[in-house]
């Protein structure tokens, strides 16, 4: 009888440990899913902010907001009132080339010298 109780007790402890590990795994999986979703939202927001910075530095070209979902796209956020689309501005020297200040290259953001860190 005593061996039966010890065996039963060991099985209960084993099952209890297995259930605890399963619960921990489930909560970890849910956390990973939530973090992945947040990461995608943050990446989208960072891309939008980069576009806004480039727009601001290039003289107010219109930037579309990637966070806005729905139909009727093409609505942009203009940083400068009355700013025109970059594709419509032309260089005064050569009308067939776009204006150099309307370049939307992300590399231009990092070419701006930053003040020294305090």
PDB file of N, CA and C in Angstrom:
ATOM      1  N   UNK A   1       0.836  -1.209   0.000  1.00  0.00           N
ATOM      2  CA  UNK A   1       0.000   0.000   0.000  1.00  0.00           C
ATOM      3  C   UNK A   1       0.867   1.254   0.000  1.00  0.00           C
ATOM      4  N   UNK A   2       1.943   1.204   0.768  1.00  0.00           N
ATOM      5  CA  UNK A   2       2.813   2.378   0.889  1.00  0.00           C
ATOM      6  C   UNK A   2       3.468   2.725  -0.444  1.00  0.00           C
ATOM      7  N   UNK A   3       3.887   1.722  -1.203  1.00  0.00           N
ATOM      8  CA  UNK A   3       4.487   1.964  -2.520  1.00  0.00           C
ATOM      9  C   UNK A   3       3.472   2.607  -3.477  1.00  0.00           C
ATOM     10  N   UNK A   4       2.239   2.150  -3.381  1.00  0.00           N
ATOM     11  CA  UNK A   4       1.195   2.703  -4.235  1.00  0.00           C
ATOM     12  C   UNK A   4       1.005   4.202  -3.964  1.00  0.00           C
ATOM     13  N   UNK A   5       0.995   4.599  -2.676  1.00  0.00           N
ATOM     14  CA  UNK A   5       0.825   6.013  -2.308  1.00  0.00           C
ATOM     15  C   UNK A   5       1.997   6.853  -2.798  1.00  0.00           C
ATOM     16  N   UNK A   6       3.234   6.327  -2.626  1.00  0.00           N
ATOM     17  CA  UNK A   6       4.404   7.070  -3.089  1.00  0.00           C
ATOM     18  C   UNK A   6       4.353   7.278  -4.607  1.00  0.00           C
ATOM     19  N   UNK A   7       3.986   6.219  -5.302  1.00  0.00           N
ATOM     20  CA  UNK A   7       3.893   6.310  -6.757  1.00  0.00           C
ATOM     21  C   UNK A   7       2.819   7.315  -7.171  1.00  0.00           C
ATOM     22  N   UNK A   8       1.682   7.251  -6.518  1.00  0.00           N
ATOM     23  CA  UNK A   8       0.578   8.166  -6.807  1.00  0.00           C
ATOM     24  C   UNK A   8       1.003   9.613  -6.529  1.00  0.00           C
ATOM     25  N   UNK A   9       1.709   9.818  -5.420  1.00  0.00           N
ATOM     26  CA  UNK A   9       2.162  11.161  -5.055  1.00  0.00           C
ATOM     27  C   UNK A   9       3.152  11.700  -6.095  1.00  0.00           C
ATOM     28  N   UNK A  10       4.096  10.829  -6.544  1.00  0.00           N
ATOM     29  CA  UNK A  10       5.056  11.238  -7.572  1.00  0.00           C
ATOM     30  C   UNK A  10       4.340  11.604  -8.874  1.00  0.00           C
ATOM     31  N   UNK A  11       3.346  10.839  -9.260  1.00  0.00           N
ATOM     32  CA  UNK A  11       2.580  11.133 -10.481  1.00  0.00           C
ATOM     33  C   UNK A  11       1.864  12.480 -10.365  1.00  0.00           C
ATOM     34  N   UNK A  12       1.289  12.756  -9.200  1.00  0.00           N
ATOM     35  CA  UNK A  12       0.600  14.034  -8.994  1.00  0.00           C
ATOM     36  C   UNK A  12       1.577  15.211  -9.103  1.00  0.00           C
ATOM     37  N   UNK A  13       2.771  15.054  -8.471  1.00  0.00           N
ATOM     38  CA  UNK A  13       3.775  16.109  -8.550  1.00  0.00           C
ATOM     39  C   UNK A  13       4.245  16.310  -9.995  1.00  0.00           C
ATOM     40  N   UNK A  14       4.435  15.204 -10.693  1.00  0.00           N
ATOM     41  CA  UNK A  14       4.853  15.268 -12.088  1.00  0.00           C
ATOM     42  C   UNK A  14       3.795  15.987 -12.935  1.00  0.00           C
ATOM     43  N   UNK A  15       2.546  15.612 -12.775  1.00  0.00           N
ATOM     44  CA  UNK A  15       1.458  16.242 -13.526  1.00  0.00           C
ATOM     45  C   UNK A  15       1.325  17.730 -13.182  1.00  0.00           C
ATOM     46  N   UNK A  16       1.519  18.052 -11.902  1.00  0.00           N
ATOM     47  CA  UNK A  16       1.443  19.443 -11.460  1.00  0.00           C
ATOM     48  C   UNK A  16       2.555  20.268 -12.134  1.00  0.00           C
ATOM     49  N   UNK A  17       3.757  19.686 -12.179  1.00  0.00           N
ATOM     50  CA  UNK A  17       4.885  20.369 -12.829  1.00  0.00           C
ATOM     51  C   UNK A  17       4.609  20.561 -14.325  1.00  0.00           C
ATOM     52  N   UNK A  18       4.090  19.536 -14.962  1.00  0.00           N
ATOM     53  CA  UNK A  18       3.775  19.612 -16.399  1.00  0.00           C
ATOM     54  C   UNK A  18       2.739  20.712 -16.653  1.00  0.00           C
ATOM     55  N   UNK A  19       1.691  20.776 -15.830  1.00  0.00           N
ATOM     56  CA  UNK A  19       0.660  21.814 -16.001  1.00  0.00           C
ATOM     57  C   UNK A  19       1.249  23.211 -15.812  1.00  0.00           C
ATOM     58  N   UNK A  20       2.137  23.373 -14.824  1.00  0.00           N
ATOM     59  CA  UNK A  20       2.759  24.678 -14.582  1.00  0.00           C
ATOM     60  C   UNK A  20       3.622  25.090 -15.782  1.00  0.00           C
ATOM     61  N   UNK A  21       4.382  24.135 -16.330  1.00  0.00           N
ATOM     62  CA  UNK A  21       5.210  24.441 -17.501  1.00  0.00           C
ATOM     63  C   UNK A  21       4.356  24.776 -18.724  1.00  0.00           C
ATOM     64  N   UNK A  22       3.250  24.056 -18.907  1.00  0.00           N
ATOM     65  CA  UNK A  22       2.345  24.359 -20.021  1.00  0.00           C
ATOM     66  C   UNK A  22       1.753  25.758 -19.881  1.00  0.00           C
ATOM     67  N   UNK A  23       1.365  26.121 -18.670  1.00  0.00           N
ATOM     68  CA  UNK A  23       0.797  27.459 -18.435  1.00  0.00           C
ATOM     69  C   UNK A  23       1.842  28.531 -18.722  1.00  0.00           C
ATOM     70  N   UNK A  24       3.077  28.294 -18.284  1.00  0.00           N
ATOM     71  CA  UNK A  24       4.148  29.262 -18.525  1.00  0.00           C
ATOM     72  C   UNK A  24       4.426  29.394 -20.035  1.00  0.00           C
ATOM     73  N   UNK A  25       4.425  28.277 -20.721  1.00  0.00           N
ATOM     74  CA  UNK A  25       4.654  28.288 -22.173  1.00  0.00           C
ATOM     75  C   UNK A  25       3.534  29.046 -22.891  1.00  0.00           C
ATOM     76  N   UNK A  26       2.291  28.812 -22.474  1.00  0.00           N
ATOM     77  CA  UNK A  26       1.162  29.513 -23.097  1.00  0.00           C
ATOM     78  C   UNK A  26       1.249  31.017 -22.883  1.00  0.00           C
ATOM     79  N   UNK A  27       1.588  31.439 -21.659  1.00  0.00           N
ATOM     80  CA  UNK A  27       1.674  32.876 -21.402  1.00  0.00           C
ATOM     81  C   UNK A  27       2.849  33.477 -22.165  1.00  0.00           C
ATOM     82  N   UNK A  28       3.950  32.740 -22.286  1.00  0.00           N
ATOM     83  CA  UNK A  28       5.094  33.234 -23.059  1.00  0.00           C
ATOM     84  C   UNK A  28       4.727  33.368 -24.532  1.00  0.00           C
ATOM     85  N   UNK A  29       3.996  32.403 -25.052  1.00  0.00           N
ATOM     86  CA  UNK A  29       3.574  32.452 -26.450  1.00  0.00           C
ATOM     87  C   UNK A  29       2.666  33.657 -26.690  1.00  0.00           C
ATOM     88  N   UNK A  30       1.729  33.890 -25.777  1.00  0.00           N
ATOM     89  CA  UNK A  30       0.847  35.051 -25.913  1.00  0.00           C
ATOM     90  C   UNK A  30       1.640  36.350 -25.862  1.00  0.00           C
ATOM     91  N   UNK A  31       2.663  36.394 -24.992  1.00  0.00           N
ATOM     92  CA  UNK A  31       3.481  37.599 -24.876  1.00  0.00           C
ATOM     93  C   UNK A  31       4.266  37.847 -26.169  1.00  0.00           C
ATOM     94  N   UNK A  32       4.810  36.781 -26.747  1.00  0.00           N
ATOM     95  CA  UNK A  32       5.559  36.918 -28.001  1.00  0.00           C
ATOM     96  C   UNK A  32       4.642  37.427 -29.103  1.00  0.00           C
ATOM     97  N   UNK A  33       3.428  36.910 -29.179  1.00  0.00           N
ATOM     98  CA  UNK A  33       2.478  37.363 -30.196  1.00  0.00           C
ATOM     99  C   UNK A  33       2.153  38.842 -30.005  1.00  0.00           C
ATOM    100  N   UNK A  34       1.927  39.254 -28.767  1.00  0.00           N
ATOM    101  CA  UNK A  34       1.610  40.660 -28.489  1.00  0.00           C
ATOM    102  C   UNK A  34       2.798  41.563 -28.835  1.00  0.00           C
ATOM    103  N   UNK A  35       4.014  41.135 -28.474  1.00  0.00           N
ATOM    104  CA  UNK A  35       5.204  41.940 -28.774  1.00  0.00           C
ATOM    105  C   UNK A  35       5.440  42.044 -30.276  1.00  0.00           C
ATOM    106  N   UNK A  36       5.188  40.970 -31.006  1.00  0.00           N
ATOM    107  CA  UNK A  36       5.350  40.999 -32.459  1.00  0.00           C
ATOM    108  C   UNK A  36       4.382  41.998 -33.075  1.00  0.00           C
ATOM    109  N   UNK A  37       3.150  41.994 -32.603  1.00  0.00           N
ATOM    110  CA  UNK A  37       2.152  42.943 -33.099  1.00  0.00           C
ATOM    111  C   UNK A  37       2.580  44.375 -32.804  1.00  0.00           C
ATOM    112  N   UNK A  38       3.031  44.626 -31.573  1.00  0.00           N
ATOM    113  CA  UNK A  38       3.485  45.972 -31.203  1.00  0.00           C
ATOM    114  C   UNK A  38       4.684  46.386 -32.043  1.00  0.00           C
ATOM    115  N   UNK A  39       5.587  45.441 -32.296  1.00  0.00           N
ATOM    116  CA  UNK A  39       6.783  45.726 -33.087  1.00  0.00           C
ATOM    117  C   UNK A  39       6.395  46.170 -34.500  1.00  0.00           C
ATOM    118  N   UNK A  40       5.419  45.492 -35.092  1.00  0.00           N
ATOM    119  CA  UNK A  40       4.981  45.868 -36.443  1.00  0.00           C
ATOM    120  C   UNK A  40       4.356  47.260 -36.434  1.00  0.00           C
ATOM    121  N   UNK A  41       3.570  47.566 -35.404  1.00  0.00           N
ATOM    122  CA  UNK A  41       2.969  48.898 -35.298  1.00  0.00           C
ATOM    123  C   UNK A  41       4.055  49.961 -35.152  1.00  0.00           C
ATOM    124  N   UNK A  42       5.064  49.673 -34.328  1.00  0.00           N
ATOM    125  CA  UNK A  42       6.148  50.632 -34.129  1.00  0.00           C
ATOM    126  C   UNK A  42       6.957  50.831 -35.397  1.00  0.00           C
ATOM    127  N   UNK A  43       7.224  49.748 -36.139  1.00  0.00           N
ATOM    128  CA  UNK A  43       7.963  49.885 -37.398  1.00  0.00           C
ATOM    129  C   UNK A  43       7.197  50.767 -38.376  1.00  0.00           C
ATOM    130  N   UNK A  44       5.893  50.586 -38.449  1.00  0.00           N
ATOM    131  CA  UNK A  44       5.077  51.405 -39.334  1.00  0.00           C
ATOM    132  C   UNK A  44       5.118  52.869 -38.897  1.00  0.00           C
ATOM    133  N   UNK A  45       5.041  53.100 -37.600  1.00  0.00           N
ATOM    134  CA  UNK A  45       5.060  54.465 -37.084  1.00  0.00           C
ATOM    135  C   UNK A  45       6.416  55.123 -37.310  1.00  0.00           C
ATOM    136  N   UNK A  46       7.510  54.354 -37.114  1.00  0.00           N
ATOM    137  CA  UNK A  46       8.855  54.887 -37.336  1.00  0.00           C
ATOM    138  C   UNK A  46       9.034  55.252 -38.810  1.00  0.00           C
ATOM    139  N   UNK A  47       8.543  54.411 -39.711  1.00  0.00           N
ATOM    140  CA  UNK A  47       8.641  54.719 -41.141  1.00  0.00           C
ATOM    141  C   UNK A  47       7.883  56.004 -41.448  1.00  0.00           C
ATOM    142  N   UNK A  48       6.735  56.183 -40.822  1.00  0.00           N
ATOM    143  CA  UNK A  48       5.961  57.415 -41.020  1.00  0.00           C
ATOM    144  C   UNK A  48       6.744  58.628 -40.515  1.00  0.00           C
ATOM    145  N   UNK A  49       7.335  58.494 -39.320  1.00  0.00           N
ATOM    146  CA  UNK A  49       8.106  59.614 -38.757  1.00  0.00           C
ATOM    147  C   UNK A  49       9.311  59.954 -39.631  1.00  0.00           C
ATOM    148  N   UNK A  50       9.976  58.936 -40.183  1.00  0.00           N
ATOM    149  CA  UNK A  50      11.105  59.202 -41.082  1.00  0.00           C
ATOM    150  C   UNK A  50      10.631  60.001 -42.290  1.00  0.00           C
ATOM    151  N   UNK A  51       9.461  59.629 -42.811  1.00  0.00           N
ATOM    152  CA  UNK A  51       8.909  60.360 -43.943  1.00  0.00           C
ATOM    153  C   UNK A  51       8.600  61.801 -43.586  1.00  0.00           C
ATOM    154  N   UNK A  52       8.070  62.027 -42.401  1.00  0.00           N
ATOM    155  CA  UNK A  52       7.756  63.388 -41.957  1.00  0.00           C
ATOM    156  C   UNK A  52       9.035  64.202 -41.801  1.00  0.00           C
ATOM    157  N   UNK A  53      10.086  63.582 -41.244  1.00  0.00           N
ATOM    158  CA  UNK A  53      11.356  64.292 -41.067  1.00  0.00           C
ATOM    159  C   UNK A  53      11.944  64.664 -42.418  1.00  0.00           C
ATOM    160  N   UNK A  54      11.943  63.713 -43.346  1.00  0.00           N
ATOM    161  CA  UNK A  54      12.466  63.996 -44.685  1.00  0.00           C
ATOM    162  C   UNK A  54      11.655  65.113 -45.324  1.00  0.00           C
ATOM    163  N   UNK A  55      10.342  65.057 -45.151  1.00  0.00           N
ATOM    164  CA  UNK A  55       9.475  66.078 -45.727  1.00  0.00           C
ATOM    165  C   UNK A  55       9.808  67.444 -45.151  1.00  0.00           C
ATOM    166  N   UNK A  56       9.978  67.497 -43.854  1.00  0.00           N
ATOM    167  CA  UNK A  56      10.274  68.768 -43.195  1.00  0.00           C
ATOM    168  C   UNK A  56      11.619  69.321 -43.659  1.00  0.00           C
ATOM    169  N   UNK A  57      12.626  68.452 -43.719  1.00  0.00           N
ATOM    170  CA  UNK A  57      13.963  68.892 -44.114  1.00  0.00           C
ATOM    171  C   UNK A  57      14.039  69.258 -45.590  1.00  0.00           C
ATOM    172  N   UNK A  58      13.152  68.693 -46.395  1.00  0.00           N
ATOM    173  CA  UNK A  58      13.223  68.961 -47.831  1.00  0.00           C
ATOM    174  C   UNK A  58      12.295  70.110 -48.233  1.00  0.00           C
ATOM    175  N   UNK A  59      11.734  70.811 -47.302  1.00  0.00           N
ATOM    176  CA  UNK A  59      10.968  72.005 -47.633  1.00  0.00           C
ATOM    177  C   UNK A  59       9.470  71.809 -47.664  1.00  0.00           C
ATOM    178  N   UNK A  60       8.957  70.790 -47.024  1.00  0.00           N
ATOM    179  CA  UNK A  60       7.512  70.667 -46.883  1.00  0.00           C
ATOM    180  C   UNK A  60       6.814  69.875 -47.959  1.00  0.00           C
ATOM    181  N   UNK A  61       7.484  68.907 -48.565  1.00  0.00           N
ATOM    182  CA  UNK A  61       6.791  68.044 -49.527  1.00  0.00           C
ATOM    183  C   UNK A  61       5.751  67.226 -48.768  1.00  0.00           C
ATOM    184  N   UNK A  62       4.699  66.836 -49.456  1.00  0.00           N
ATOM    185  CA  UNK A  62       3.609  66.111 -48.807  1.00  0.00           C
ATOM    186  C   UNK A  62       4.002  64.659 -48.562  1.00  0.00           C
ATOM    187  N   UNK A  63       3.712  64.170 -47.361  1.00  0.00           N
ATOM    188  CA  UNK A  63       4.008  62.788 -47.001  1.00  0.00           C
ATOM    189  C   UNK A  63       2.699  62.105 -46.663  1.00  0.00           C
ATOM    190  N   UNK A  64       2.488  60.919 -47.218  1.00  0.00           N
ATOM    191  CA  UNK A  64       1.261  60.193 -46.879  1.00  0.00           C
ATOM    192  C   UNK A  64       1.486  59.439 -45.589  1.00  0.00           C
ATOM    193  N   UNK A  65       0.429  59.266 -44.842  1.00  0.00           N
ATOM    194  CA  UNK A  65       0.499  58.615 -43.535  1.00  0.00           C
ATOM    195  C   UNK A  65       0.218  57.126 -43.699  1.00  0.00           C
ATOM    196  N   UNK A  66       1.217  56.238 -43.461  1.00  0.00           N
ATOM    197  CA  UNK A  66       0.982  54.804 -43.634  1.00  0.00           C
ATOM    198  C   UNK A  66       0.071  54.226 -42.563  1.00  0.00           C
ATOM    199  N   UNK A  67      -0.130  54.960 -41.475  1.00  0.00           N
ATOM    200  CA  UNK A  67      -0.979  54.437 -40.409  1.00  0.00           C
ATOM    201  C   UNK A  67      -2.454  54.609 -40.734  1.00  0.00           C
ATOM    202  N   UNK A  68      -2.758  55.480 -41.711  1.00  0.00           N
ATOM    203  CA  UNK A  68      -4.153  55.680 -42.094  1.00  0.00           C
ATOM    204  C   UNK A  68      -4.587  54.564 -43.007  1.00  0.00           C
ATOM    205  N   UNK A  69      -5.594  53.823 -42.602  1.00  0.00           N
ATOM    206  CA  UNK A  69      -6.087  52.731 -43.440  1.00  0.00           C
ATOM    207  C   UNK A  69      -7.407  53.180 -44.065  1.00  0.00           C
ATOM    208  N   UNK A  70      -7.783  52.522 -45.135  1.00  0.00           N
ATOM    209  CA  UNK A  70      -9.073  52.840 -45.734  1.00  0.00           C
ATOM    210  C   UNK A  70      -8.910  53.235 -47.176  1.00  0.00           C
ATOM    211  N   UNK A  71     -10.008  53.639 -47.772  1.00  0.00           N
ATOM    212  CA  UNK A  71     -10.021  53.959 -49.193  1.00  0.00           C
ATOM    213  C   UNK A  71      -9.799  55.444 -49.401  1.00  0.00           C
ATOM    214  N   UNK A  72      -9.566  55.774 -50.655  1.00  0.00           N
ATOM    215  CA  UNK A  72      -9.393  57.180 -50.993  1.00  0.00           C
ATOM    216  C   UNK A  72      -8.013  57.675 -50.643  1.00  0.00           C
ATOM    217  N   UNK A  73      -6.990  56.789 -50.670  1.00  0.00           N
ATOM    218  CA  UNK A  73      -5.627  57.156 -50.326  1.00  0.00           C
ATOM    219  C   UNK A  73      -5.138  58.352 -51.108  1.00  0.00           C
ATOM    220  N   UNK A  74      -3.922  58.742 -50.855  1.00  0.00           N
ATOM    221  CA  UNK A  74      -3.392  59.918 -51.520  1.00  0.00           C
ATOM    222  C   UNK A  74      -3.590  61.167 -50.688  1.00  0.00           C
ATOM    223  N   UNK A  75      -4.269  61.033 -49.571  1.00  0.00           N
ATOM    224  CA  UNK A  75      -4.401  62.190 -48.690  1.00  0.00           C
ATOM    225  C   UNK A  75      -3.123  62.240 -47.872  1.00  0.00           C
ATOM    226  N   UNK A  76      -2.434  63.360 -47.923  1.00  0.00           N
ATOM    227  CA  UNK A  76      -1.158  63.447 -47.237  1.00  0.00           C
ATOM    228  C   UNK A  76      -1.212  64.457 -46.116  1.00  0.00           C
ATOM    229  N   UNK A  77      -0.197  64.422 -45.296  1.00  0.00           N
ATOM    230  CA  UNK A  77      -0.060  65.380 -44.210  1.00  0.00           C
ATOM    231  C   UNK A  77       0.982  66.391 -44.667  1.00  0.00           C
ATOM    232  N   UNK A  78       0.593  67.632 -44.826  1.00  0.00           N
ATOM    233  CA  UNK A  78       1.531  68.644 -45.296  1.00  0.00           C
ATOM    234  C   UNK A  78       2.049  69.427 -44.103  1.00  0.00           C
ATOM    235  N   UNK A  79       3.374  69.538 -44.022  1.00  0.00           N
ATOM    236  CA  UNK A  79       3.962  70.258 -42.908  1.00  0.00           C
ATOM    237  C   UNK A  79       3.965  71.762 -43.142  1.00  0.00           C
ATOM    238  N   UNK A  80       3.954  72.160 -44.397  1.00  0.00           N
ATOM    239  CA  UNK A  80       3.980  73.584 -44.722  1.00  0.00           C
ATOM    240  C   UNK A  80       2.682  73.906 -45.451  1.00  0.00           C
ATOM    241  N   UNK A  81       1.907  74.878 -44.956  1.00  0.00           N
ATOM    242  CA  UNK A  81       0.652  75.196 -45.635  1.00  0.00           C
ATOM    243  C   UNK A  81       0.918  75.604 -47.082  1.00  0.00           C
ATOM    244  N   UNK A  82       0.142  75.047 -47.991  1.00  0.00           N
ATOM    245  CA  UNK A  82       0.280  75.393 -49.400  1.00  0.00           C
ATOM    246  C   UNK A  82       1.405  74.658 -50.096  1.00  0.00           C
ATOM    247  N   UNK A  83       2.039  73.694 -49.420  1.00  0.00           N
ATOM    248  CA  UNK A  83       3.129  72.957 -50.067  1.00  0.00           C
ATOM    249  C   UNK A  83       2.563  72.071 -51.165  1.00  0.00           C
ATOM    250  N   UNK A  84       3.317  71.932 -52.221  1.00  0.00           N
ATOM    251  CA  UNK A  84       2.868  71.105 -53.333  1.00  0.00           C
ATOM    252  C   UNK A  84       3.530  69.740 -53.256  1.00  0.00           C
ATOM    253  N   UNK A  85       2.990  68.779 -54.027  1.00  0.00           N
ATOM    254  CA  UNK A  85       3.595  67.456 -54.120  1.00  0.00           C
ATOM    255  C   UNK A  85       5.004  67.600 -54.687  1.00  0.00           C
ATOM    256  N   UNK A  86       5.923  66.746 -54.242  1.00  0.00           N
ATOM    257  CA  UNK A  86       7.311  66.813 -54.699  1.00  0.00           C
ATOM    258  C   UNK A  86       7.403  66.595 -56.203  1.00  0.00           C
ATOM    259  N   UNK A  87       6.537  65.758 -56.758  1.00  0.00           N
ATOM    260  CA  UNK A  87       6.627  65.457 -58.182  1.00  0.00           C
ATOM    261  C   UNK A  87       6.242  66.661 -59.047  1.00  0.00           C
ATOM    262  N   UNK A  88       5.558  67.639 -58.469  1.00  0.00           N
ATOM    263  CA  UNK A  88       5.138  68.796 -59.261  1.00  0.00           C
ATOM    264  C   UNK A  88       6.162  69.921 -59.235  1.00  0.00           C
ATOM    265  N   UNK A  89       7.076  69.895 -58.265  1.00  0.00           N
ATOM    266  CA  UNK A  89       8.076  70.953 -58.206  1.00  0.00           C
ATOM    267  C   UNK A  89       9.176  70.644 -59.204  1.00  0.00           C
ATOM    268  N   UNK A  90       9.674  71.676 -59.862  1.00  0.00           N
ATOM    269  CA  UNK A  90      10.716  71.470 -60.851  1.00  0.00           C
ATOM    270  C   UNK A  90      11.920  72.336 -60.527  1.00  0.00           C
ATOM    271  N   UNK A  91      13.075  71.859 -60.957  1.00  0.00           N
ATOM    272  CA  UNK A  91      14.309  72.593 -60.750  1.00  0.00           C
ATOM    273  C   UNK A  91      14.320  73.823 -61.647  1.00  0.00           C
ATOM    274  N   UNK A  92      14.734  74.971 -61.121  1.00  0.00           N
ATOM    275  CA  UNK A  92      14.764  76.167 -61.967  1.00  0.00           C
ATOM    276  C   UNK A  92      15.775  76.041 -63.110  1.00  0.00           C
ATOM    277  N   UNK A  93      16.865  75.294 -62.907  1.00  0.00           N
ATOM    278  CA  UNK A  93      17.869  75.155 -63.965  1.00  0.00           C
ATOM    279  C   UNK A  93      17.383  74.213 -65.066  1.00  0.00           C
ATOM    280  N   UNK A  94      16.773  73.117 -64.694  1.00  0.00           N
ATOM    281  CA  UNK A  94      16.345  72.125 -65.678  1.00  0.00           C
ATOM    282  C   UNK A  94      14.906  71.729 -65.359  1.00  0.00           C
ATOM    283  N   UNK A  95      13.937  72.207 -66.138  1.00  0.00           N
ATOM    284  CA  UNK A  95      12.524  71.942 -65.813  1.00  0.00           C
ATOM    285  C   UNK A  95      12.142  70.465 -65.846  1.00  0.00           C
ATOM    286  N   UNK A  96      12.925  69.624 -66.506  1.00  0.00           N
ATOM    287  CA  UNK A  96      12.530  68.219 -66.594  1.00  0.00           C
ATOM    288  C   UNK A  96      12.941  67.434 -65.345  1.00  0.00           C
ATOM    289  N   UNK A  97      13.844  68.001 -64.528  1.00  0.00           N
ATOM    290  CA  UNK A  97      14.282  67.300 -63.314  1.00  0.00           C
ATOM    291  C   UNK A  97      13.530  67.857 -62.099  1.00  0.00           C
ATOM    292  N   UNK A  98      13.227  66.987 -61.126  1.00  0.00           N
ATOM    293  CA  UNK A  98      12.571  67.499 -59.917  1.00  0.00           C
ATOM    294  C   UNK A  98      13.511  68.422 -59.149  1.00  0.00           C
ATOM    295  N   UNK A  99      12.918  69.257 -58.354  1.00  0.00           N
ATOM    296  CA  UNK A  99      13.691  70.210 -57.562  1.00  0.00           C
ATOM    297  C   UNK A  99      14.589  69.448 -56.588  1.00  0.00           C
ATOM    298  N   UNK A 100      15.866  69.831 -56.445  1.00  0.00           N
ATOM    299  CA  UNK A 100      16.775  69.066 -55.572  1.00  0.00           C
ATOM    300  C   UNK A 100      16.351  69.046 -54.112  1.00  0.00           C
ATOM    301  N   UNK A 101      15.632  70.060 -53.645  1.00  0.00           N
ATOM    302  CA  UNK A 101      15.226  70.082 -52.237  1.00  0.00           C
ATOM    303  C   UNK A 101      14.092  69.117 -51.950  1.00  0.00           C
ATOM    304  N   UNK A 102      13.483  68.521 -52.974  1.00  0.00           N
ATOM    305  CA  UNK A 102      12.343  67.635 -52.731  1.00  0.00           C
ATOM    306  C   UNK A 102      12.770  66.176 -52.712  1.00  0.00           C
ATOM    307  N   UNK A 103      14.080  65.910 -52.647  1.00  0.00           N
ATOM    308  CA  UNK A 103      14.548  64.530 -52.578  1.00  0.00           C
ATOM    309  C   UNK A 103      13.980  63.881 -51.317  1.00  0.00           C
ATOM    310  N   UNK A 104      13.452  62.674 -51.457  1.00  0.00           N
ATOM    311  CA  UNK A 104      12.877  61.987 -50.298  1.00  0.00           C
ATOM    312  C   UNK A 104      13.741  60.800 -49.905  1.00  0.00           C
ATOM    313  N   UNK A 105      15.021  60.841 -50.193  1.00  0.00           N
ATOM    314  CA  UNK A 105      15.928  59.762 -49.807  1.00  0.00           C
ATOM    315  C   UNK A 105      16.081  59.767 -48.286  1.00  0.00           C
ATOM    316  N   UNK A 106      15.894  58.596 -47.680  1.00  0.00           N
ATOM    317  CA  UNK A 106      16.023  58.497 -46.223  1.00  0.00           C
ATOM    318  C   UNK A 106      17.451  58.843 -45.811  1.00  0.00           C
ATOM    319  N   UNK A 107      18.434  58.579 -46.680  1.00  0.00           N
ATOM    320  CA  UNK A 107      19.822  58.885 -46.350  1.00  0.00           C
ATOM    321  C   UNK A 107      20.045  60.351 -46.049  1.00  0.00           C
ATOM    322  N   UNK A 108      19.205  61.209 -46.585  1.00  0.00           N
ATOM    323  CA  UNK A 108      19.367  62.640 -46.341  1.00  0.00           C
ATOM    324  C   UNK A 108      19.123  62.977 -44.875  1.00  0.00           C
ATOM    325  N   UNK A 109      18.294  62.186 -44.201  1.00  0.00           N
ATOM    326  CA  UNK A 109      18.018  62.464 -42.792  1.00  0.00           C
ATOM    327  C   UNK A 109      19.299  62.332 -41.982  1.00  0.00           C
ATOM    328  N   UNK A 110      20.088  61.299 -42.288  1.00  0.00           N
ATOM    329  CA  UNK A 110      21.274  61.029 -41.497  1.00  0.00           C
ATOM    330  C   UNK A 110      22.462  61.881 -41.932  1.00  0.00           C
ATOM    331  N   UNK A 111      22.327  62.620 -43.035  1.00  0.00           N
ATOM    332  CA  UNK A 111      23.421  63.471 -43.490  1.00  0.00           C
ATOM    333  C   UNK A 111      23.409  64.811 -42.764  1.00  0.00           C
ATOM    334  N   UNK A 112      22.354  65.110 -42.021  1.00  0.00           N
ATOM    335  CA  UNK A 112      22.252  66.372 -41.304  1.00  0.00           C
ATOM    336  C   UNK A 112      23.155  66.312 -40.071  1.00  0.00           C
ATOM    337  N   UNK A 113      24.077  67.258 -39.897  1.00  0.00           N
ATOM    338  CA  UNK A 113      24.937  67.209 -38.703  1.00  0.00           C
ATOM    339  C   UNK A 113      24.117  67.461 -37.435  1.00  0.00           C
ATOM    340  N   UNK A 114      24.322  66.629 -36.452  1.00  0.00           N
ATOM    341  CA  UNK A 114      23.580  66.753 -35.194  1.00  0.00           C
ATOM    342  C   UNK A 114      24.429  67.516 -34.182  1.00  0.00           C
ATOM    343  N   UNK A 115      23.784  68.250 -33.265  1.00  0.00           N
ATOM    344  CA  UNK A 115      24.550  68.925 -32.221  1.00  0.00           C
ATOM    345  C   UNK A 115      25.199  67.893 -31.301  1.00  0.00           C
ATOM    346  N   UNK A 116      26.325  68.236 -30.687  1.00  0.00           N
ATOM    347  CA  UNK A 116      26.986  67.254 -29.810  1.00  0.00           C
ATOM    348  C   UNK A 116      26.093  66.875 -28.628  1.00  0.00           C
ATOM    349  N   UNK A 117      26.201  65.616 -28.222  1.00  0.00           N
ATOM    350  CA  UNK A 117      25.388  65.135 -27.083  1.00  0.00           C
ATOM    351  C   UNK A 117      25.881  65.780 -25.798  1.00  0.00           C
ATOM    352  N   UNK A 118      24.943  66.049 -24.921  1.00  0.00           N
ATOM    353  CA  UNK A 118      25.306  66.684 -23.638  1.00  0.00           C
ATOM    354  C   UNK A 118      25.633  65.657 -22.600  1.00  0.00           C
TER     355      UNK A 118
END
